[in-house]
N, C-alpha and C. Protein backbone atom coordinates (compact mmCIF):
# COMPACT_ATOMS: atom_id res chain seq x y z
N MET A 1 149.78 87.69 97.02
CA MET A 1 149.89 86.27 97.37
C MET A 1 149.13 85.45 96.34
N ASN A 2 149.77 84.43 95.81
CA ASN A 2 149.16 83.55 94.81
C ASN A 2 148.79 82.22 95.46
N ILE A 3 147.52 81.86 95.36
CA ILE A 3 147.01 80.65 96.00
C ILE A 3 146.40 79.73 94.94
N LEU A 4 146.78 78.46 95.00
CA LEU A 4 146.20 77.44 94.12
C LEU A 4 145.24 76.58 94.93
N ILE A 5 144.02 76.45 94.46
CA ILE A 5 143.05 75.54 95.07
C ILE A 5 142.88 74.35 94.14
N SER A 6 143.10 73.16 94.69
CA SER A 6 143.05 71.94 93.89
C SER A 6 142.03 70.97 94.48
N ALA A 7 141.20 70.41 93.62
CA ALA A 7 140.22 69.41 94.05
C ALA A 7 140.19 68.28 93.03
N ALA A 8 139.77 67.12 93.47
CA ALA A 8 139.78 65.95 92.59
C ALA A 8 138.76 66.06 91.47
N THR A 9 137.63 66.68 91.74
CA THR A 9 136.53 66.72 90.77
C THR A 9 135.97 68.13 90.64
N ASP A 10 135.26 68.36 89.54
CA ASP A 10 134.54 69.63 89.36
C ASP A 10 133.55 69.84 90.49
N LEU A 11 132.90 68.76 90.91
CA LEU A 11 131.92 68.85 91.98
C LEU A 11 132.54 69.41 93.25
N GLU A 12 133.73 68.92 93.61
CA GLU A 12 134.38 69.37 94.84
C GLU A 12 134.96 70.77 94.71
N LEU A 13 135.47 71.11 93.54
CA LEU A 13 136.04 72.44 93.34
C LEU A 13 134.96 73.51 93.39
N GLY A 14 133.80 73.20 92.82
CA GLY A 14 132.65 74.08 92.93
C GLY A 14 132.92 75.51 92.50
N LYS A 15 132.56 76.45 93.35
CA LYS A 15 132.63 77.88 93.04
C LYS A 15 134.06 78.40 92.86
N PHE A 16 135.06 77.60 93.25
CA PHE A 16 136.44 78.09 93.18
C PHE A 16 137.10 77.83 91.83
N ALA A 17 136.32 77.32 90.89
CA ALA A 17 136.85 77.15 89.54
C ALA A 17 137.22 78.51 88.93
N ASN A 18 136.44 79.53 89.25
CA ASN A 18 136.72 80.89 88.76
C ASN A 18 136.46 81.87 89.90
N SER A 19 137.53 82.24 90.61
CA SER A 19 137.31 83.07 91.80
C SER A 19 138.26 84.25 91.90
N ASP A 20 138.99 84.55 90.83
CA ASP A 20 139.96 85.65 90.88
C ASP A 20 139.32 86.98 91.26
N HIS A 21 138.12 87.22 90.79
CA HIS A 21 137.51 88.54 90.92
C HIS A 21 137.05 88.87 92.34
N ARG A 22 137.07 87.92 93.25
CA ARG A 22 136.48 88.14 94.57
C ARG A 22 137.41 88.80 95.58
N TYR A 23 138.68 88.86 95.29
CA TYR A 23 139.64 89.23 96.32
C TYR A 23 140.48 90.42 95.88
N SER A 24 140.89 91.21 96.88
CA SER A 24 141.64 92.44 96.60
C SER A 24 143.14 92.23 96.64
N ASN A 25 143.61 91.38 97.57
CA ASN A 25 145.05 91.27 97.83
C ASN A 25 145.64 89.90 97.55
N ILE A 26 144.83 88.97 97.09
CA ILE A 26 145.33 87.65 96.75
C ILE A 26 144.83 87.25 95.36
N ASN A 27 145.60 86.41 94.71
CA ASN A 27 145.21 85.84 93.42
C ASN A 27 144.91 84.36 93.63
N VAL A 28 143.73 83.93 93.22
CA VAL A 28 143.29 82.56 93.46
C VAL A 28 143.04 81.85 92.13
N THR A 29 143.64 80.68 91.98
CA THR A 29 143.43 79.85 90.80
C THR A 29 142.90 78.49 91.25
N GLY A 30 141.88 77.99 90.58
CA GLY A 30 141.34 76.67 90.90
C GLY A 30 141.59 75.68 89.78
N ILE A 31 142.00 74.46 90.14
CA ILE A 31 142.19 73.41 89.14
C ILE A 31 141.56 72.10 89.61
N VAL A 32 141.14 71.29 88.66
CA VAL A 32 140.70 69.93 88.94
C VAL A 32 141.88 69.01 88.69
N CYS A 33 142.31 68.29 89.74
CA CYS A 33 143.51 67.46 89.63
C CYS A 33 143.21 66.02 89.23
N GLY A 34 141.94 65.62 89.29
CA GLY A 34 141.60 64.25 88.95
C GLY A 34 141.58 63.33 90.16
N VAL A 35 141.00 62.16 89.97
CA VAL A 35 140.79 61.21 91.06
C VAL A 35 141.97 60.25 91.19
N GLY A 36 142.44 60.04 92.41
CA GLY A 36 143.51 59.09 92.66
C GLY A 36 144.88 59.74 92.69
N MET A 37 145.84 58.99 93.25
CA MET A 37 147.18 59.54 93.44
C MET A 37 147.91 59.81 92.13
N LEU A 38 147.79 58.93 91.15
CA LEU A 38 148.56 59.08 89.92
C LEU A 38 148.12 60.30 89.13
N GLU A 39 146.82 60.39 88.85
CA GLU A 39 146.34 61.50 88.04
C GLU A 39 146.51 62.83 88.77
N SER A 40 146.23 62.85 90.07
CA SER A 40 146.35 64.11 90.80
C SER A 40 147.80 64.57 90.86
N MET A 41 148.73 63.65 91.03
CA MET A 41 150.15 64.01 91.03
C MET A 41 150.57 64.56 89.67
N PHE A 42 150.15 63.90 88.60
CA PHE A 42 150.54 64.34 87.26
C PHE A 42 149.98 65.72 86.95
N ARG A 43 148.68 65.91 87.19
CA ARG A 43 148.07 67.19 86.84
C ARG A 43 148.61 68.33 87.70
N LEU A 44 148.83 68.04 88.97
CA LEU A 44 149.36 69.07 89.86
C LEU A 44 150.79 69.43 89.47
N MET A 45 151.60 68.41 89.18
CA MET A 45 152.98 68.65 88.77
C MET A 45 153.02 69.41 87.45
N GLU A 46 152.18 69.02 86.51
CA GLU A 46 152.14 69.70 85.22
C GLU A 46 151.79 71.17 85.39
N HIS A 47 150.83 71.45 86.25
CA HIS A 47 150.42 72.84 86.47
C HIS A 47 151.52 73.64 87.16
N LEU A 48 152.12 73.06 88.19
CA LEU A 48 153.15 73.78 88.95
C LEU A 48 154.44 73.95 88.16
N SER A 49 154.66 73.09 87.17
CA SER A 49 155.90 73.16 86.39
C SER A 49 155.89 74.26 85.34
N SER A 50 154.72 74.80 85.05
CA SER A 50 154.64 75.88 84.07
C SER A 50 155.31 77.13 84.61
N SER A 51 156.11 77.78 83.79
CA SER A 51 156.81 78.99 84.21
C SER A 51 155.85 80.12 84.54
N GLU A 52 154.61 80.01 84.07
CA GLU A 52 153.62 81.05 84.32
C GLU A 52 152.95 80.89 85.68
N ASN A 53 153.14 79.73 86.32
CA ASN A 53 152.44 79.45 87.57
C ASN A 53 153.40 79.39 88.74
N SER A 54 153.29 80.35 89.64
CA SER A 54 154.10 80.39 90.85
C SER A 54 153.17 80.65 92.03
N TYR A 55 153.21 79.78 93.03
CA TYR A 55 152.25 79.88 94.13
C TYR A 55 152.94 79.95 95.49
N ASP A 56 152.30 80.70 96.37
CA ASP A 56 152.76 80.81 97.76
C ASP A 56 152.08 79.78 98.65
N LEU A 57 150.99 79.20 98.16
CA LEU A 57 150.23 78.23 98.95
C LEU A 57 149.38 77.38 98.03
N VAL A 58 149.34 76.07 98.34
CA VAL A 58 148.41 75.15 97.68
C VAL A 58 147.37 74.73 98.72
N ILE A 59 146.09 74.84 98.37
CA ILE A 59 145.02 74.36 99.24
C ILE A 59 144.31 73.22 98.52
N ASN A 60 144.42 72.03 99.09
CA ASN A 60 143.72 70.86 98.56
C ASN A 60 142.40 70.71 99.29
N ILE A 61 141.29 70.77 98.56
CA ILE A 61 139.98 70.65 99.19
C ILE A 61 139.24 69.43 98.64
N GLY A 62 138.35 68.88 99.44
CA GLY A 62 137.58 67.74 98.98
C GLY A 62 136.82 67.09 100.11
N ILE A 63 136.08 66.04 99.78
CA ILE A 63 135.38 65.26 100.79
C ILE A 63 136.24 64.08 101.20
N ALA A 64 135.90 63.50 102.34
CA ALA A 64 136.68 62.38 102.87
C ALA A 64 135.78 61.53 103.75
N GLY A 65 136.25 60.31 104.01
CA GLY A 65 135.57 59.44 104.96
C GLY A 65 136.30 59.47 106.29
N SER A 66 135.55 59.39 107.37
CA SER A 66 136.14 59.44 108.71
C SER A 66 136.07 58.08 109.39
N PHE A 67 137.18 57.68 109.99
CA PHE A 67 137.22 56.48 110.82
C PHE A 67 136.69 56.78 112.22
N ARG A 68 136.65 58.05 112.59
CA ARG A 68 136.27 58.46 113.94
C ARG A 68 134.82 58.94 113.97
N LYS A 69 134.04 58.37 114.88
CA LYS A 69 132.65 58.79 115.01
C LYS A 69 132.51 60.09 115.81
N ASP A 70 133.59 60.53 116.47
CA ASP A 70 133.51 61.81 117.18
C ASP A 70 133.72 62.99 116.24
N ILE A 71 134.00 62.72 114.97
CA ILE A 71 133.99 63.75 113.94
C ILE A 71 132.63 63.68 113.26
N ASN A 72 131.92 64.78 113.26
CA ASN A 72 130.56 64.79 112.74
C ASN A 72 130.53 64.72 111.22
N LEU A 73 129.53 64.09 110.68
CA LEU A 73 129.31 64.15 109.24
C LEU A 73 129.09 65.61 108.84
N THR A 74 129.66 66.00 107.73
CA THR A 74 129.66 67.36 107.14
C THR A 74 130.69 68.28 107.81
N GLU A 75 131.36 67.83 108.87
CA GLU A 75 132.36 68.67 109.54
C GLU A 75 133.60 68.81 108.66
N VAL A 76 134.21 69.98 108.68
CA VAL A 76 135.44 70.24 107.94
C VAL A 76 136.62 70.09 108.87
N VAL A 77 137.63 69.33 108.44
CA VAL A 77 138.82 69.09 109.26
C VAL A 77 140.07 69.55 108.51
N ASN A 78 141.12 69.76 109.28
CA ASN A 78 142.43 70.15 108.75
C ASN A 78 143.34 68.93 108.79
N VAL A 79 143.65 68.38 107.64
CA VAL A 79 144.56 67.22 107.58
C VAL A 79 146.00 67.72 107.67
N VAL A 80 146.72 67.24 108.68
CA VAL A 80 148.09 67.73 108.90
C VAL A 80 149.15 66.67 108.61
N SER A 81 148.75 65.41 108.44
CA SER A 81 149.72 64.37 108.10
C SER A 81 149.07 63.33 107.21
N GLU A 82 149.90 62.72 106.36
CA GLU A 82 149.43 61.73 105.40
C GLU A 82 150.32 60.49 105.45
N CYS A 83 149.70 59.34 105.26
CA CYS A 83 150.41 58.07 105.23
C CYS A 83 150.02 57.30 103.98
N LEU A 84 151.02 56.73 103.31
CA LEU A 84 150.76 55.88 102.14
C LEU A 84 150.52 54.46 102.66
N SER A 85 149.30 54.19 103.04
CA SER A 85 148.99 52.98 103.80
C SER A 85 149.10 51.70 102.99
N GLU A 86 149.10 51.79 101.66
CA GLU A 86 149.15 50.59 100.82
C GLU A 86 150.54 50.32 100.27
N LEU A 87 151.50 51.17 100.58
CA LEU A 87 152.84 51.04 100.01
C LEU A 87 153.67 50.07 100.84
N GLY A 88 153.82 48.84 100.34
CA GLY A 88 154.56 47.85 101.10
C GLY A 88 154.36 46.46 100.52
N VAL A 89 154.54 45.46 101.36
CA VAL A 89 154.40 44.07 100.92
C VAL A 89 153.49 43.32 101.87
N GLU A 90 152.86 42.30 101.33
CA GLU A 90 151.96 41.47 102.12
C GLU A 90 152.45 40.03 102.06
N ASP A 91 152.48 39.39 103.24
CA ASP A 91 152.78 37.96 103.24
C ASP A 91 151.55 37.23 103.77
N VAL A 92 151.73 36.00 104.17
CA VAL A 92 150.58 35.18 104.57
C VAL A 92 149.84 35.79 105.76
N HIS A 93 150.60 36.34 106.71
CA HIS A 93 150.00 36.75 107.97
C HIS A 93 149.96 38.25 108.20
N ASP A 94 150.73 39.02 107.45
CA ASP A 94 150.89 40.42 107.86
C ASP A 94 151.21 41.31 106.67
N PHE A 95 151.13 42.61 106.91
CA PHE A 95 151.54 43.64 105.96
C PHE A 95 152.72 44.38 106.55
N LYS A 96 153.73 44.64 105.72
CA LYS A 96 154.87 45.45 106.15
C LYS A 96 155.04 46.60 105.17
N SER A 97 155.22 47.79 105.72
CA SER A 97 155.35 48.97 104.87
C SER A 97 156.70 48.97 104.16
N ALA A 98 156.79 49.78 103.12
CA ALA A 98 158.05 49.92 102.38
C ALA A 98 159.16 50.44 103.28
N PHE A 99 158.80 51.15 104.33
CA PHE A 99 159.79 51.67 105.27
C PHE A 99 160.28 50.55 106.19
N GLU A 100 159.36 49.69 106.62
CA GLU A 100 159.72 48.61 107.53
C GLU A 100 160.66 47.60 106.89
N ILE A 101 160.53 47.38 105.58
CA ILE A 101 161.40 46.40 104.92
C ILE A 101 162.62 47.06 104.27
N GLY A 102 162.79 48.35 104.47
CA GLY A 102 163.99 49.04 104.03
C GLY A 102 164.02 49.47 102.58
N LEU A 103 162.89 49.44 101.89
CA LEU A 103 162.86 49.91 100.50
C LEU A 103 163.02 51.42 100.42
N ILE A 104 162.51 52.11 101.43
CA ILE A 104 162.60 53.57 101.49
C ILE A 104 163.06 53.97 102.88
N ASP A 105 163.99 54.90 102.96
CA ASP A 105 164.41 55.46 104.24
C ASP A 105 163.25 56.27 104.80
N ASP A 106 162.84 55.97 106.03
CA ASP A 106 161.65 56.63 106.56
C ASP A 106 161.86 58.10 106.90
N ASP A 107 163.12 58.57 106.82
CA ASP A 107 163.38 60.00 107.02
C ASP A 107 163.92 60.65 105.75
N GLN A 108 163.77 59.97 104.63
CA GLN A 108 164.17 60.55 103.34
C GLN A 108 163.11 61.54 102.90
N LYS A 109 163.53 62.75 102.51
CA LYS A 109 162.58 63.75 102.05
C LYS A 109 161.70 63.17 100.94
N PRO A 110 160.42 63.33 101.06
CA PRO A 110 159.63 64.24 101.90
C PRO A 110 159.10 63.62 103.19
N PHE A 111 159.59 62.41 103.55
CA PHE A 111 159.03 61.71 104.71
C PHE A 111 159.75 62.08 106.00
N LYS A 112 159.03 62.00 107.09
CA LYS A 112 159.58 62.06 108.44
C LYS A 112 158.97 60.92 109.22
N ASN A 113 159.82 59.96 109.55
CA ASN A 113 159.35 58.74 110.21
C ASN A 113 158.25 58.05 109.40
N GLY A 114 158.42 58.09 108.08
CA GLY A 114 157.48 57.43 107.19
C GLY A 114 156.18 58.17 106.96
N ILE A 115 156.10 59.39 107.44
CA ILE A 115 154.87 60.18 107.34
C ILE A 115 155.13 61.44 106.52
N LEU A 116 154.13 61.87 105.76
CA LEU A 116 154.17 63.16 105.08
C LEU A 116 153.49 64.17 105.97
N LYS A 117 154.25 65.15 106.44
CA LYS A 117 153.71 66.11 107.41
C LYS A 117 154.03 67.52 106.96
N ILE A 118 153.01 68.36 106.88
CA ILE A 118 153.17 69.75 106.48
C ILE A 118 153.41 70.60 107.72
N GLU A 119 154.47 71.41 107.69
CA GLU A 119 154.83 72.19 108.87
C GLU A 119 154.99 73.68 108.59
N ASN A 120 154.79 74.11 107.35
CA ASN A 120 155.10 75.50 107.02
C ASN A 120 153.87 76.30 106.56
N VAL A 121 152.69 75.91 107.05
CA VAL A 121 151.47 76.62 106.66
C VAL A 121 151.27 77.85 107.54
N PRO A 122 150.97 78.99 106.96
CA PRO A 122 150.72 80.19 107.77
C PRO A 122 149.60 79.97 108.77
N THR A 123 149.71 80.60 109.94
CA THR A 123 148.70 80.47 110.98
C THR A 123 147.45 81.26 110.62
N LEU A 124 146.30 80.61 110.73
CA LEU A 124 145.03 81.26 110.43
C LEU A 124 144.04 80.97 111.56
N ASN A 125 143.25 81.97 111.93
CA ASN A 125 142.27 81.79 112.99
C ASN A 125 141.25 80.72 112.63
N ILE A 126 140.74 80.77 111.41
CA ILE A 126 139.70 79.83 111.01
C ILE A 126 140.22 78.40 111.02
N VAL A 127 141.46 78.20 110.57
CA VAL A 127 142.02 76.84 110.53
C VAL A 127 142.30 76.32 111.93
N SER A 128 142.69 77.21 112.84
CA SER A 128 142.99 76.80 114.22
C SER A 128 141.76 76.25 114.94
N LYS A 129 140.58 76.57 114.44
CA LYS A 129 139.34 76.09 115.06
C LYS A 129 138.93 74.71 114.55
N LEU A 130 139.59 74.23 113.52
CA LEU A 130 139.24 72.92 112.94
C LEU A 130 139.99 71.80 113.65
N LYS A 131 139.40 70.61 113.67
CA LYS A 131 140.11 69.44 114.20
C LYS A 131 141.30 69.13 113.30
N GLN A 132 142.46 68.86 113.92
CA GLN A 132 143.63 68.42 113.17
C GLN A 132 143.57 66.90 113.05
N CYS A 133 143.75 66.41 111.83
CA CYS A 133 143.57 64.97 111.59
C CYS A 133 144.75 64.36 110.85
N SER A 134 144.97 63.08 111.14
CA SER A 134 145.91 62.28 110.35
C SER A 134 145.10 61.54 109.30
N ALA A 135 145.71 61.36 108.13
CA ALA A 135 144.98 60.74 107.02
C ALA A 135 145.81 59.64 106.37
N ILE A 136 145.10 58.73 105.73
CA ILE A 136 145.73 57.80 104.80
C ILE A 136 145.19 58.11 103.41
N THR A 137 146.05 57.95 102.41
CA THR A 137 145.63 58.09 101.02
C THR A 137 145.64 56.70 100.40
N VAL A 138 144.52 56.36 99.75
CA VAL A 138 144.33 54.98 99.28
C VAL A 138 143.91 54.96 97.82
N ASN A 139 144.16 53.82 97.19
CA ASN A 139 143.63 53.59 95.84
C ASN A 139 142.22 53.00 95.90
N THR A 140 141.94 52.28 96.97
CA THR A 140 140.63 51.68 97.17
C THR A 140 140.08 52.14 98.52
N VAL A 141 138.99 52.90 98.50
CA VAL A 141 138.42 53.35 99.77
C VAL A 141 137.82 52.14 100.50
N HIS A 142 137.86 52.19 101.81
CA HIS A 142 137.47 51.04 102.61
C HIS A 142 135.95 50.97 102.79
N GLY A 143 135.41 49.77 102.55
CA GLY A 143 133.98 49.55 102.72
C GLY A 143 133.68 48.15 103.21
N ASN A 144 134.73 47.45 103.64
CA ASN A 144 134.62 46.08 104.13
C ASN A 144 135.02 46.06 105.60
N GLU A 145 134.20 45.48 106.44
CA GLU A 145 134.43 45.55 107.88
C GLU A 145 135.77 44.96 108.30
N ASP A 146 136.18 43.86 107.66
CA ASP A 146 137.45 43.23 108.00
C ASP A 146 138.64 44.12 107.63
N SER A 147 138.61 44.68 106.43
CA SER A 147 139.72 45.54 106.00
C SER A 147 139.76 46.84 106.81
N ILE A 148 138.60 47.32 107.23
CA ILE A 148 138.56 48.53 108.06
C ILE A 148 139.22 48.27 109.41
N LYS A 149 138.93 47.12 110.01
CA LYS A 149 139.56 46.77 111.29
C LYS A 149 141.07 46.66 111.15
N LYS A 150 141.53 46.06 110.05
CA LYS A 150 142.96 45.87 109.85
C LYS A 150 143.68 47.20 109.65
N ILE A 151 143.12 48.07 108.80
CA ILE A 151 143.80 49.33 108.52
C ILE A 151 143.76 50.24 109.75
N SER A 152 142.69 50.15 110.53
CA SER A 152 142.59 50.96 111.76
C SER A 152 143.62 50.51 112.78
N ALA A 153 143.80 49.20 112.91
CA ALA A 153 144.78 48.68 113.85
C ALA A 153 146.20 48.99 113.42
N ARG A 154 146.43 49.01 112.11
CA ARG A 154 147.78 49.20 111.58
C ARG A 154 148.22 50.66 111.65
N PHE A 155 147.35 51.59 111.29
CA PHE A 155 147.76 52.99 111.16
C PHE A 155 146.97 53.96 112.05
N ASP A 156 145.85 53.53 112.59
CA ASP A 156 145.00 54.39 113.42
C ASP A 156 144.73 55.74 112.76
N PRO A 157 144.25 55.74 111.51
CA PRO A 157 144.00 57.01 110.82
C PRO A 157 142.70 57.65 111.29
N ASP A 158 142.63 58.96 111.11
CA ASP A 158 141.38 59.67 111.40
C ASP A 158 140.47 59.68 110.17
N VAL A 159 141.06 59.95 108.99
CA VAL A 159 140.27 60.07 107.76
C VAL A 159 141.03 59.43 106.61
N GLU A 160 140.32 59.23 105.49
CA GLU A 160 140.97 58.73 104.28
C GLU A 160 140.46 59.47 103.05
N SER A 161 141.37 59.61 102.08
CA SER A 161 141.01 60.17 100.78
C SER A 161 141.83 59.44 99.72
N MET A 162 141.69 59.88 98.47
CA MET A 162 142.42 59.24 97.37
C MET A 162 143.47 60.15 96.75
N GLU A 163 143.61 61.40 97.26
CA GLU A 163 144.54 62.35 96.63
C GLU A 163 145.42 63.12 97.60
N GLY A 164 145.12 63.08 98.89
CA GLY A 164 145.81 63.95 99.83
C GLY A 164 147.32 63.81 99.84
N ALA A 165 147.81 62.57 99.83
CA ALA A 165 149.25 62.35 99.92
C ALA A 165 150.00 62.90 98.72
N SER A 166 149.40 62.86 97.55
CA SER A 166 150.09 63.39 96.37
C SER A 166 150.32 64.89 96.50
N HIS A 167 149.37 65.60 97.09
CA HIS A 167 149.54 67.03 97.31
C HIS A 167 150.62 67.31 98.35
N PHE A 168 150.60 66.57 99.45
CA PHE A 168 151.63 66.77 100.47
C PHE A 168 153.01 66.41 99.93
N TYR A 169 153.10 65.29 99.23
CA TYR A 169 154.40 64.85 98.68
C TYR A 169 154.99 65.92 97.79
N LEU A 170 154.21 66.39 96.83
CA LEU A 170 154.71 67.36 95.87
C LEU A 170 155.00 68.70 96.52
N SER A 171 154.15 69.12 97.44
CA SER A 171 154.35 70.40 98.11
C SER A 171 155.63 70.40 98.95
N ILE A 172 155.89 69.31 99.64
CA ILE A 172 157.11 69.22 100.44
C ILE A 172 158.33 69.21 99.53
N MET A 173 158.29 68.45 98.45
CA MET A 173 159.43 68.36 97.54
C MET A 173 159.72 69.70 96.87
N LYS A 174 158.69 70.48 96.60
CA LYS A 174 158.87 71.76 95.92
C LYS A 174 158.87 72.94 96.90
N ASP A 175 158.83 72.62 98.20
CA ASP A 175 158.88 73.66 99.25
C ASP A 175 157.77 74.70 99.09
N ILE A 176 156.57 74.23 98.82
CA ILE A 176 155.40 75.10 98.75
C ILE A 176 154.47 74.74 99.91
N PRO A 177 154.11 75.69 100.75
CA PRO A 177 153.17 75.39 101.83
C PRO A 177 151.88 74.79 101.28
N CYS A 178 151.31 73.85 102.02
CA CYS A 178 150.09 73.17 101.56
C CYS A 178 149.12 73.02 102.72
N LEU A 179 147.89 73.36 102.47
CA LEU A 179 146.81 73.20 103.44
C LEU A 179 145.80 72.23 102.85
N GLN A 180 145.40 71.24 103.65
CA GLN A 180 144.40 70.27 103.16
C GLN A 180 143.14 70.35 104.02
N LEU A 181 142.05 70.74 103.38
CA LEU A 181 140.76 70.85 104.05
C LEU A 181 139.84 69.76 103.52
N ARG A 182 139.30 68.96 104.43
CA ARG A 182 138.42 67.86 104.03
C ARG A 182 137.10 67.94 104.80
N ALA A 183 136.01 67.85 104.07
CA ALA A 183 134.69 67.78 104.69
C ALA A 183 134.27 66.31 104.75
N ILE A 184 133.80 65.89 105.90
CA ILE A 184 133.46 64.48 106.10
C ILE A 184 132.08 64.19 105.52
N SER A 185 132.08 63.42 104.45
CA SER A 185 130.82 63.08 103.77
C SER A 185 130.25 61.76 104.26
N ASN A 186 131.10 60.93 104.88
CA ASN A 186 130.64 59.61 105.31
C ASN A 186 131.61 59.04 106.33
N TYR A 187 131.14 58.08 107.08
CA TYR A 187 132.03 57.32 107.95
C TYR A 187 132.59 56.13 107.18
N VAL A 188 133.79 55.73 107.55
CA VAL A 188 134.40 54.55 106.93
C VAL A 188 133.78 53.33 107.59
N GLU A 189 132.88 52.71 106.88
CA GLU A 189 132.11 51.59 107.40
C GLU A 189 131.63 50.76 106.22
N LYS A 190 130.86 49.72 106.50
CA LYS A 190 130.26 48.94 105.41
C LYS A 190 129.54 49.89 104.47
N ARG A 191 129.87 49.80 103.20
CA ARG A 191 129.43 50.80 102.22
C ARG A 191 127.90 50.90 102.16
N ASN A 192 127.41 52.13 102.41
CA ASN A 192 125.98 52.40 102.37
C ASN A 192 125.79 53.87 101.99
N LYS A 193 125.57 54.13 100.72
CA LYS A 193 125.50 55.50 100.22
C LYS A 193 124.31 56.27 100.78
N GLU A 194 123.33 55.57 101.32
CA GLU A 194 122.18 56.26 101.90
C GLU A 194 122.59 57.06 103.14
N ASN A 195 123.71 56.70 103.75
CA ASN A 195 124.18 57.41 104.94
C ASN A 195 125.08 58.60 104.61
N TRP A 196 125.43 58.76 103.37
CA TRP A 196 126.37 59.81 102.99
C TRP A 196 125.70 61.19 102.98
N LYS A 197 126.50 62.21 103.27
CA LYS A 197 126.02 63.59 103.32
C LYS A 197 126.89 64.47 102.42
N ILE A 198 126.94 64.14 101.14
CA ILE A 198 127.86 64.81 100.24
C ILE A 198 127.50 66.28 100.03
N ASP A 199 126.26 66.57 99.76
CA ASP A 199 125.87 67.96 99.46
C ASP A 199 126.13 68.88 100.65
N ALA A 200 125.72 68.45 101.83
CA ALA A 200 125.93 69.28 103.03
C ALA A 200 127.41 69.42 103.35
N ALA A 201 128.17 68.34 103.14
CA ALA A 201 129.62 68.40 103.38
C ALA A 201 130.27 69.40 102.44
N LEU A 202 129.88 69.38 101.18
CA LEU A 202 130.47 70.31 100.21
C LEU A 202 130.12 71.75 100.54
N ASN A 203 128.90 72.01 100.97
CA ASN A 203 128.53 73.37 101.34
C ASN A 203 129.39 73.88 102.50
N ASN A 204 129.64 73.02 103.49
CA ASN A 204 130.50 73.42 104.60
C ASN A 204 131.94 73.60 104.15
N LEU A 205 132.39 72.73 103.25
CA LEU A 205 133.75 72.83 102.72
C LEU A 205 133.96 74.16 102.02
N TRP A 206 133.04 74.53 101.16
CA TRP A 206 133.17 75.79 100.41
C TRP A 206 133.10 76.99 101.35
N LYS A 207 132.27 76.91 102.38
CA LYS A 207 132.16 78.01 103.34
C LYS A 207 133.48 78.22 104.07
N VAL A 208 134.07 77.13 104.57
CA VAL A 208 135.34 77.24 105.30
C VAL A 208 136.45 77.71 104.36
N THR A 209 136.49 77.16 103.15
CA THR A 209 137.52 77.57 102.19
C THR A 209 137.42 79.05 101.89
N GLU A 210 136.22 79.54 101.72
CA GLU A 210 136.03 80.97 101.46
C GLU A 210 136.47 81.81 102.65
N GLU A 211 136.21 81.34 103.86
CA GLU A 211 136.65 82.06 105.05
C GLU A 211 138.17 82.10 105.13
N VAL A 212 138.81 81.00 104.74
CA VAL A 212 140.28 80.96 104.70
C VAL A 212 140.81 82.00 103.72
N LEU A 213 140.22 82.05 102.54
CA LEU A 213 140.68 83.00 101.52
C LEU A 213 140.46 84.44 101.96
N PHE A 214 139.34 84.73 102.56
CA PHE A 214 139.09 86.09 103.02
C PHE A 214 140.03 86.47 104.16
N GLU A 215 140.40 85.50 105.00
CA GLU A 215 141.37 85.80 106.06
C GLU A 215 142.73 86.13 105.46
N PHE A 216 143.15 85.38 104.45
CA PHE A 216 144.40 85.73 103.75
C PHE A 216 144.28 87.09 103.09
N ASP A 217 143.15 87.36 102.49
CA ASP A 217 142.95 88.62 101.76
C ASP A 217 143.02 89.83 102.69
N ASN A 218 142.66 89.63 103.95
CA ASN A 218 142.62 90.74 104.91
C ASN A 218 143.81 90.76 105.86
N LYS A 219 144.79 89.86 105.63
CA LYS A 219 145.98 89.85 106.47
C LYS A 219 146.78 91.13 106.27
N LYS A 220 147.28 91.67 107.38
CA LYS A 220 148.10 92.89 107.32
C LYS A 220 149.55 92.53 107.02
């Protein structure tokens, strides 16, 4: 089984930059896809398009902000759906998505009712213990109380990142199963880096990711 682990930064990829030697029955490759939807889509597509690279699973790992206070800081969650929350038009009073104004069919592949949803990931015990979350992927992370209220009312997301949707989009289009693991480093609130728990979140992220890989490695 060939598994690709993708993270936005070297910091998030951590120990998985070089991890082939750790496993008996799986091959693991780690890549840095870059920050944001455009760069992550390009780098991921470039890597997957090489004739030398064929994968049975893509695992996107990284930190994220949580809109929900019942998700603990440093907790690792399983993102199962993604929304392109900024794709649309704005008028004087409201925002309308590209699906609402008919620019994109909301059931056109890779979307289902305007959502990117992964449905073909193998069942794993460790993943089943994680909270399942809906996410939005954004170009600008939220740190303003007014914009947080608006985006929460509009989409009711659990978490946000800057790369998740690009992984889901490409994985669905290329029919490659994709798992997205996010460790919560901060709450989505008025920006205050003193409240962030990046180091502890990353340690939990790497621990869970390693458990996922060992479970695949020991599958019968």
